[in-house]
Amino acid sequence: MPRTSEEILEFILDWMSRRLKMPKTAIDPRDSIAAYGVDSVMIAEFEGEISEFVGFEWPVTDLLLRDPSIREIAEHGAELSRNA
């Protein structure tokens, strides 16, 4: 079943909150993941976990090189999910 952008956004915010040990409310979806100091090791872990969440292999690292906002990542994931 395809994931919506809101479902993916919630997953990303939850993941960041856990990994960065900060309240989810302190994370602005208009910011990039990099703005919060997420490093390459964390990104590799994120790629595996979000791929499992959406149900398909999502090479999100390529997308992150363009430094999109967290919301843009979620919207891109939802588009891919509809087409998977």
PDB file of N, CA and C in Angstrom:
ATOM      1  N   MET A   1       0.831  -1.180   0.000  1.00  0.00           N
ATOM      2  CA  MET A   1       0.000   0.000   0.000  1.00  0.00           C
ATOM      3  C   MET A   1       0.879   1.248   0.000  1.00  0.00           C
ATOM      4  N   PRO A   2       0.630   2.183  -0.903  1.00  0.00           N
ATOM      5  CA  PRO A   2       1.452   3.392  -0.958  1.00  0.00           C
ATOM      6  C   PRO A   2       1.375   4.207   0.327  1.00  0.00           C
ATOM      7  N   ARG A   3       2.475   4.827   0.664  1.00  0.00           N
ATOM      8  CA  ARG A   3       2.560   5.703   1.830  1.00  0.00           C
ATOM      9  C   ARG A   3       2.281   7.137   1.388  1.00  0.00           C
ATOM     10  N   THR A   4       1.595   7.895   2.230  1.00  0.00           N
ATOM     11  CA  THR A   4       1.333   9.302   1.927  1.00  0.00           C
ATOM     12  C   THR A   4       2.514  10.145   2.376  1.00  0.00           C
ATOM     13  N   SER A   5       2.559  11.372   1.884  1.00  0.00           N
ATOM     14  CA  SER A   5       3.639  12.265   2.303  1.00  0.00           C
ATOM     15  C   SER A   5       3.560  12.537   3.803  1.00  0.00           C
ATOM     16  N   GLU A   6       2.362  12.598   4.361  1.00  0.00           N
ATOM     17  CA  GLU A   6       2.225  12.839   5.810  1.00  0.00           C
ATOM     18  C   GLU A   6       2.740  11.650   6.622  1.00  0.00           C
ATOM     19  N   GLU A   7       2.478  10.429   6.155  1.00  0.00           N
ATOM     20  CA  GLU A   7       2.997   9.244   6.844  1.00  0.00           C
ATOM     21  C   GLU A   7       4.527   9.230   6.809  1.00  0.00           C
ATOM     22  N   ILE A   8       5.064   9.545   5.653  1.00  0.00           N
ATOM     23  CA  ILE A   8       6.528   9.555   5.509  1.00  0.00           C
ATOM     24  C   ILE A   8       7.128  10.688   6.333  1.00  0.00           C
ATOM     25  N   LEU A   9       6.492  11.843   6.327  1.00  0.00           N
ATOM     26  CA  LEU A   9       6.974  12.969   7.130  1.00  0.00           C
ATOM     27  C   LEU A   9       7.003  12.583   8.614  1.00  0.00           C
ATOM     28  N   GLU A  10       5.952  11.959   9.094  1.00  0.00           N
ATOM     29  CA  GLU A  10       5.911  11.528  10.495  1.00  0.00           C
ATOM     30  C   GLU A  10       7.031  10.533  10.794  1.00  0.00           C
ATOM     31  N   PHE A  11       7.278   9.609   9.857  1.00  0.00           N
ATOM     32  CA  PHE A  11       8.364   8.649  10.038  1.00  0.00           C
ATOM     33  C   PHE A  11       9.699   9.387  10.161  1.00  0.00           C
ATOM     34  N   ILE A  12       9.945  10.330   9.258  1.00  0.00           N
ATOM     35  CA  ILE A  12      11.214  11.071   9.270  1.00  0.00           C
ATOM     36  C   ILE A  12      11.364  11.847  10.574  1.00  0.00           C
ATOM     37  N   LEU A  13      10.323  12.543  10.984  1.00  0.00           N
ATOM     38  CA  LEU A  13      10.394  13.330  12.222  1.00  0.00           C
ATOM     39  C   LEU A  13      10.617  12.426  13.436  1.00  0.00           C
ATOM     40  N   ASP A  14       9.938  11.297  13.480  1.00  0.00           N
ATOM     41  CA  ASP A  14      10.145  10.340  14.577  1.00  0.00           C
ATOM     42  C   ASP A  14      11.577   9.814  14.572  1.00  0.00           C
ATOM     43  N   TRP A  15      12.056   9.457  13.383  1.00  0.00           N
ATOM     44  CA  TRP A  15      13.413   8.927  13.253  1.00  0.00           C
ATOM     45  C   TRP A  15      14.429   9.964  13.725  1.00  0.00           C
ATOM     46  N   MET A  16      14.286  11.196  13.254  1.00  0.00           N
ATOM     47  CA  MET A  16      15.220  12.254  13.647  1.00  0.00           C
ATOM     48  C   MET A  16      15.149  12.522  15.149  1.00  0.00           C
ATOM     49  N   SER A  17      13.956  12.536  15.689  1.00  0.00           N
ATOM     50  CA  SER A  17      13.778  12.776  17.119  1.00  0.00           C
ATOM     51  C   SER A  17      14.515  11.720  17.942  1.00  0.00           C
ATOM     52  N   ARG A  18      14.376  10.459  17.549  1.00  0.00           N
ATOM     53  CA  ARG A  18      15.058   9.373  18.256  1.00  0.00           C
ATOM     54  C   ARG A  18      16.568   9.461  18.100  1.00  0.00           C
ATOM     55  N   ARG A  19      17.019   9.610  16.862  1.00  0.00           N
ATOM     56  CA  ARG A  19      18.458   9.601  16.586  1.00  0.00           C
ATOM     57  C   ARG A  19      19.178  10.807  17.174  1.00  0.00           C
ATOM     58  N   LEU A  20      18.521  11.959  17.151  1.00  0.00           N
ATOM     59  CA  LEU A  20      19.158  13.194  17.614  1.00  0.00           C
ATOM     60  C   LEU A  20      18.819  13.525  19.062  1.00  0.00           C
ATOM     61  N   LYS A  21      17.968  12.676  19.658  1.00  0.00           N
ATOM     62  CA  LYS A  21      17.565  12.868  21.051  1.00  0.00           C
ATOM     63  C   LYS A  21      17.052  14.289  21.293  1.00  0.00           C
ATOM     64  N   MET A  22      16.081  14.658  20.465  1.00  0.00           N
ATOM     65  CA  MET A  22      15.458  15.966  20.604  1.00  0.00           C
ATOM     66  C   MET A  22      13.963  15.832  20.376  1.00  0.00           C
ATOM     67  N   PRO A  23      13.181  16.738  20.915  1.00  0.00           N
ATOM     68  CA  PRO A  23      11.729  16.637  20.715  1.00  0.00           C
ATOM     69  C   PRO A  23      11.364  16.808  19.245  1.00  0.00           C
ATOM     70  N   LYS A  24      10.392  16.040  18.828  1.00  0.00           N
ATOM     71  CA  LYS A  24       9.931  16.117  17.435  1.00  0.00           C
ATOM     72  C   LYS A  24       9.462  17.534  17.095  1.00  0.00           C
ATOM     73  N   THR A  25       8.906  18.213  18.068  1.00  0.00           N
ATOM     74  CA  THR A  25       8.399  19.574  17.848  1.00  0.00           C
ATOM     75  C   THR A  25       9.522  20.583  17.589  1.00  0.00           C
ATOM     76  N   ALA A  26      10.757  20.205  17.890  1.00  0.00           N
ATOM     77  CA  ALA A  26      11.899  21.098  17.652  1.00  0.00           C
ATOM     78  C   ALA A  26      12.452  20.968  16.233  1.00  0.00           C
ATOM     79  N   ILE A  27      11.882  20.064  15.448  1.00  0.00           N
ATOM     80  CA  ILE A  27      12.352  19.819  14.082  1.00  0.00           C
ATOM     81  C   ILE A  27      11.391  20.487  13.111  1.00  0.00           C
ATOM     82  N   ASP A  28      11.905  21.377  12.298  1.00  0.00           N
ATOM     83  CA  ASP A  28      11.094  22.114  11.326  1.00  0.00           C
ATOM     84  C   ASP A  28      11.142  21.392   9.980  1.00  0.00           C
ATOM     85  N   PRO A  29      10.006  20.915   9.469  1.00  0.00           N
ATOM     86  CA  PRO A  29       9.989  20.207   8.184  1.00  0.00           C
ATOM     87  C   PRO A  29      10.453  21.056   7.000  1.00  0.00           C
ATOM     88  N   ARG A  30      10.553  22.352   7.191  1.00  0.00           N
ATOM     89  CA  ARG A  30      11.051  23.214   6.105  1.00  0.00           C
ATOM     90  C   ARG A  30      12.571  23.214   6.023  1.00  0.00           C
ATOM     91  N   ASP A  31      13.222  22.695   7.063  1.00  0.00           N
ATOM     92  CA  ASP A  31      14.684  22.601   7.088  1.00  0.00           C
ATOM     93  C   ASP A  31      15.142  21.312   6.414  1.00  0.00           C
ATOM     94  N   SER A  32      16.408  21.267   6.081  1.00  0.00           N
ATOM     95  CA  SER A  32      16.986  20.032   5.549  1.00  0.00           C
ATOM     96  C   SER A  32      17.427  19.140   6.704  1.00  0.00           C
ATOM     97  N   ILE A  33      17.615  17.884   6.415  1.00  0.00           N
ATOM     98  CA  ILE A  33      18.134  16.960   7.420  1.00  0.00           C
ATOM     99  C   ILE A  33      19.530  17.401   7.849  1.00  0.00           C
ATOM    100  N   ALA A  34      20.315  17.874   6.906  1.00  0.00           N
ATOM    101  CA  ALA A  34      21.680  18.300   7.205  1.00  0.00           C
ATOM    102  C   ALA A  34      21.724  19.454   8.205  1.00  0.00           C
ATOM    103  N   ALA A  35      20.689  20.273   8.230  1.00  0.00           N
ATOM    104  CA  ALA A  35      20.644  21.408   9.162  1.00  0.00           C
ATOM    105  C   ALA A  35      20.668  20.943  10.613  1.00  0.00           C
ATOM    106  N   TYR A  36      20.341  19.676  10.840  1.00  0.00           N
ATOM    107  CA  TYR A  36      20.317  19.127  12.194  1.00  0.00           C
ATOM    108  C   TYR A  36      21.546  18.291  12.509  1.00  0.00           C
ATOM    109  N   GLY A  37      22.540  18.331  11.631  1.00  0.00           N
ATOM    110  CA  GLY A  37      23.782  17.630  11.886  1.00  0.00           C
ATOM    111  C   GLY A  37      23.755  16.140  11.618  1.00  0.00           C
ATOM    112  N   VAL A  38      22.792  15.682  10.819  1.00  0.00           N
ATOM    113  CA  VAL A  38      22.738  14.265  10.466  1.00  0.00           C
ATOM    114  C   VAL A  38      23.927  13.972   9.550  1.00  0.00           C
ATOM    115  N   ASP A  39      24.775  13.029   9.963  1.00  0.00           N
ATOM    116  CA  ASP A  39      25.989  12.736   9.206  1.00  0.00           C
ATOM    117  C   ASP A  39      25.799  11.550   8.256  1.00  0.00           C
ATOM    118  N   SER A  40      26.849  11.198   7.549  1.00  0.00           N
ATOM    119  CA  SER A  40      26.755  10.159   6.526  1.00  0.00           C
ATOM    120  C   SER A  40      26.443   8.780   7.111  1.00  0.00           C
ATOM    121  N   VAL A  41      26.924   8.493   8.303  1.00  0.00           N
ATOM    122  CA  VAL A  41      26.620   7.209   8.938  1.00  0.00           C
ATOM    123  C   VAL A  41      25.128   7.145   9.257  1.00  0.00           C
ATOM    124  N   MET A  42      24.589   8.223   9.794  1.00  0.00           N
ATOM    125  CA  MET A  42      23.163   8.276  10.099  1.00  0.00           C
ATOM    126  C   MET A  42      22.332   8.165   8.822  1.00  0.00           C
ATOM    127  N   ILE A  43      22.792   8.794   7.753  1.00  0.00           N
ATOM    128  CA  ILE A  43      22.066   8.752   6.481  1.00  0.00           C
ATOM    129  C   ILE A  43      21.995   7.317   5.969  1.00  0.00           C
ATOM    130  N   ALA A  44      23.079   6.574   6.088  1.00  0.00           N
ATOM    131  CA  ALA A  44      23.081   5.172   5.651  1.00  0.00           C
ATOM    132  C   ALA A  44      22.048   4.367   6.449  1.00  0.00           C
ATOM    133  N   GLU A  45      21.977   4.609   7.743  1.00  0.00           N
ATOM    134  CA  GLU A  45      20.987   3.928   8.571  1.00  0.00           C
ATOM    135  C   GLU A  45      19.574   4.374   8.189  1.00  0.00           C
ATOM    136  N   PHE A  46      19.417   5.667   7.963  1.00  0.00           N
ATOM    137  CA  PHE A  46      18.124   6.221   7.575  1.00  0.00           C
ATOM    138  C   PHE A  46      17.626   5.586   6.280  1.00  0.00           C
ATOM    139  N   GLU A  47      18.526   5.447   5.307  1.00  0.00           N
ATOM    140  CA  GLU A  47      18.146   4.873   4.019  1.00  0.00           C
ATOM    141  C   GLU A  47      17.581   3.464   4.190  1.00  0.00           C
ATOM    142  N   GLY A  48      18.216   2.655   5.012  1.00  0.00           N
ATOM    143  CA  GLY A  48      17.721   1.302   5.247  1.00  0.00           C
ATOM    144  C   GLY A  48      16.379   1.290   5.957  1.00  0.00           C
ATOM    145  N   GLU A  49      16.241   2.149   6.959  1.00  0.00           N
ATOM    146  CA  GLU A  49      15.009   2.169   7.744  1.00  0.00           C
ATOM    147  C   GLU A  49      13.835   2.747   6.960  1.00  0.00           C
ATOM    148  N   ILE A  50      14.075   3.793   6.190  1.00  0.00           N
ATOM    149  CA  ILE A  50      12.956   4.369   5.441  1.00  0.00           C
ATOM    150  C   ILE A  50      12.562   3.453   4.277  1.00  0.00           C
ATOM    151  N   SER A  51      13.531   2.750   3.704  1.00  0.00           N
ATOM    152  CA  SER A  51      13.205   1.786   2.652  1.00  0.00           C
ATOM    153  C   SER A  51      12.295   0.695   3.200  1.00  0.00           C
ATOM    154  N   GLU A  52      12.600   0.243   4.403  1.00  0.00           N
ATOM    155  CA  GLU A  52      11.745  -0.767   5.042  1.00  0.00           C
ATOM    156  C   GLU A  52      10.350  -0.197   5.309  1.00  0.00           C
ATOM    157  N   PHE A  53      10.284   1.046   5.756  1.00  0.00           N
ATOM    158  CA  PHE A  53       9.004   1.676   6.065  1.00  0.00           C
ATOM    159  C   PHE A  53       8.121   1.821   4.828  1.00  0.00           C
ATOM    160  N   VAL A  54       8.705   2.283   3.709  1.00  0.00           N
ATOM    161  CA  VAL A  54       7.899   2.507   2.510  1.00  0.00           C
ATOM    162  C   VAL A  54       7.659   1.221   1.725  1.00  0.00           C
ATOM    163  N   GLY A  55       8.452   0.182   1.990  1.00  0.00           N
ATOM    164  CA  GLY A  55       8.217  -1.108   1.357  1.00  0.00           C
ATOM    165  C   GLY A  55       8.904  -1.305   0.023  1.00  0.00           C
ATOM    166  N   PHE A  56       9.878  -0.481  -0.276  1.00  0.00           N
ATOM    167  CA  PHE A  56      10.678  -0.648  -1.491  1.00  0.00           C
ATOM    168  C   PHE A  56      12.048  -0.029  -1.256  1.00  0.00           C
ATOM    169  N   GLU A  57      13.012  -0.448  -2.068  1.00  0.00           N
ATOM    170  CA  GLU A  57      14.377   0.078  -1.955  1.00  0.00           C
ATOM    171  C   GLU A  57      14.398   1.526  -2.430  1.00  0.00           C
ATOM    172  N   TRP A  58      14.669   2.435  -1.508  1.00  0.00           N
ATOM    173  CA  TRP A  58      14.678   3.856  -1.843  1.00  0.00           C
ATOM    174  C   TRP A  58      16.087   4.398  -1.616  1.00  0.00           C
ATOM    175  N   PRO A  59      16.843   4.640  -2.696  1.00  0.00           N
ATOM    176  CA  PRO A  59      18.192   5.188  -2.543  1.00  0.00           C
ATOM    177  C   PRO A  59      18.129   6.685  -2.211  1.00  0.00           C
ATOM    178  N   VAL A  60      17.666   6.975  -1.013  1.00  0.00           N
ATOM    179  CA  VAL A  60      17.416   8.345  -0.589  1.00  0.00           C
ATOM    180  C   VAL A  60      18.695   9.189  -0.545  1.00  0.00           C
ATOM    181  N   THR A  61      19.846   8.558  -0.456  1.00  0.00           N
ATOM    182  CA  THR A  61      21.107   9.296  -0.414  1.00  0.00           C
ATOM    183  C   THR A  61      21.263  10.205  -1.628  1.00  0.00           C
ATOM    184  N   ASP A  62      20.867   9.724  -2.806  1.00  0.00           N
ATOM    185  CA  ASP A  62      20.957  10.541  -4.019  1.00  0.00           C
ATOM    186  C   ASP A  62      20.124  11.810  -3.886  1.00  0.00           C
ATOM    187  N   LEU A  63      18.934  11.676  -3.345  1.00  0.00           N
ATOM    188  CA  LEU A  63      18.056  12.821  -3.140  1.00  0.00           C
ATOM    189  C   LEU A  63      18.663  13.796  -2.131  1.00  0.00           C
ATOM    190  N   LEU A  64      19.248  13.278  -1.074  1.00  0.00           N
ATOM    191  CA  LEU A  64      19.778  14.133  -0.013  1.00  0.00           C
ATOM    192  C   LEU A  64      20.964  14.977  -0.470  1.00  0.00           C
ATOM    193  N   LEU A  65      21.643  14.565  -1.517  1.00  0.00           N
ATOM    194  CA  LEU A  65      22.751  15.358  -2.045  1.00  0.00           C
ATOM    195  C   LEU A  65      22.283  16.723  -2.551  1.00  0.00           C
ATOM    196  N   ARG A  66      20.989  16.819  -2.891  1.00  0.00           N
ATOM    197  CA  ARG A  66      20.427  18.100  -3.361  1.00  0.00           C
ATOM    198  C   ARG A  66      19.969  18.970  -2.196  1.00  0.00           C
ATOM    199  N   ASP A  67      20.088  18.462  -0.958  1.00  0.00           N
ATOM    200  CA  ASP A  67      19.753  19.182   0.272  1.00  0.00           C
ATOM    201  C   ASP A  67      18.310  19.675   0.308  1.00  0.00           C
ATOM    202  N   PRO A  68      17.358  18.773   0.057  1.00  0.00           N
ATOM    203  CA  PRO A  68      15.942  19.167   0.096  1.00  0.00           C
ATOM    204  C   PRO A  68      15.462  19.352   1.533  1.00  0.00           C
ATOM    205  N   SER A  69      14.315  19.980   1.674  1.00  0.00           N
ATOM    206  CA  SER A  69      13.716  20.082   3.003  1.00  0.00           C
ATOM    207  C   SER A  69      13.181  18.704   3.407  1.00  0.00           C
ATOM    208  N   ILE A  70      12.918  18.557   4.677  1.00  0.00           N
ATOM    209  CA  ILE A  70      12.367  17.306   5.178  1.00  0.00           C
ATOM    210  C   ILE A  70      11.010  17.043   4.517  1.00  0.00           C
ATOM    211  N   ARG A  71      10.206  18.076   4.375  1.00  0.00           N
ATOM    212  CA  ARG A  71       8.898  17.936   3.718  1.00  0.00           C
ATOM    213  C   ARG A  71       9.076  17.500   2.255  1.00  0.00           C
ATOM    214  N   GLU A  72      10.055  18.052   1.555  1.00  0.00           N
ATOM    215  CA  GLU A  72      10.295  17.663   0.153  1.00  0.00           C
ATOM    216  C   GLU A  72      10.698  16.191   0.056  1.00  0.00           C
ATOM    217  N   ILE A  73      11.458  15.717   1.021  1.00  0.00           N
ATOM    218  CA  ILE A  73      11.828  14.298   1.043  1.00  0.00           C
ATOM    219  C   ILE A  73      10.568  13.448   1.164  1.00  0.00           C
ATOM    220  N   ALA A  74       9.682  13.846   2.075  1.00  0.00           N
ATOM    221  CA  ALA A  74       8.433  13.105   2.290  1.00  0.00           C
ATOM    222  C   ALA A  74       7.566  13.111   1.034  1.00  0.00           C
ATOM    223  N   GLU A  75       7.481  14.251   0.371  1.00  0.00           N
ATOM    224  CA  GLU A  75       6.664  14.345  -0.844  1.00  0.00           C
ATOM    225  C   GLU A  75       7.249  13.493  -1.958  1.00  0.00           C
ATOM    226  N   HIS A  76       8.565  13.500  -2.077  1.00  0.00           N
ATOM    227  CA  HIS A  76       9.227  12.677  -3.091  1.00  0.00           C
ATOM    228  C   HIS A  76       8.990  11.186  -2.802  1.00  0.00           C
ATOM    229  N   GLY A  77       9.092  10.820  -1.536  1.00  0.00           N
ATOM    230  CA  GLY A  77       8.848   9.426  -1.157  1.00  0.00           C
ATOM    231  C   GLY A  77       7.434   8.982  -1.462  1.00  0.00           C
ATOM    232  N   ALA A  78       6.468   9.872  -1.217  1.00  0.00           N
ATOM    233  CA  ALA A  78       5.065   9.537  -1.504  1.00  0.00           C
ATOM    234  C   ALA A  78       4.862   9.343  -2.998  1.00  0.00           C
ATOM    235  N   GLU A  79       5.502  10.168  -3.799  1.00  0.00           N
ATOM    236  CA  GLU A  79       5.398  10.018  -5.265  1.00  0.00           C
ATOM    237  C   GLU A  79       5.996   8.688  -5.702  1.00  0.00           C
ATOM    238  N   LEU A  80       7.150   8.345  -5.179  1.00  0.00           N
ATOM    239  CA  LEU A  80       7.765   7.055  -5.501  1.00  0.00           C
ATOM    240  C   LEU A  80       6.891   5.893  -5.030  1.00  0.00           C
ATOM    241  N   SER A  81       6.289   6.056  -3.873  1.00  0.00           N
ATOM    242  CA  SER A  81       5.443   5.007  -3.303  1.00  0.00           C
ATOM    243  C   SER A  81       4.217   4.735  -4.190  1.00  0.00           C
ATOM    244  N   ARG A  82       3.653   5.789  -4.742  1.00  0.00           N
ATOM    245  CA  ARG A  82       2.497   5.616  -5.631  1.00  0.00           C
ATOM    246  C   ARG A  82       2.877   4.868  -6.898  1.00  0.00           C
ATOM    247  N   ASN A  83       4.127   5.009  -7.316  1.00  0.00           N
ATOM    248  CA  ASN A  83       4.589   4.398  -8.562  1.00  0.00           C
ATOM    249  C   ASN A  83       5.298   3.055  -8.344  1.00  0.00           C
ATOM    250  N   ALA A  84       5.456   2.650  -7.089  1.00  0.00           N
ATOM    251  CA  ALA A  84       6.213   1.403  -6.803  1.00  0.00           C
ATOM    252  C   ALA A  84       5.368   0.175  -7.075  1.00  0.00           C
TER     253      ALA A  84
END
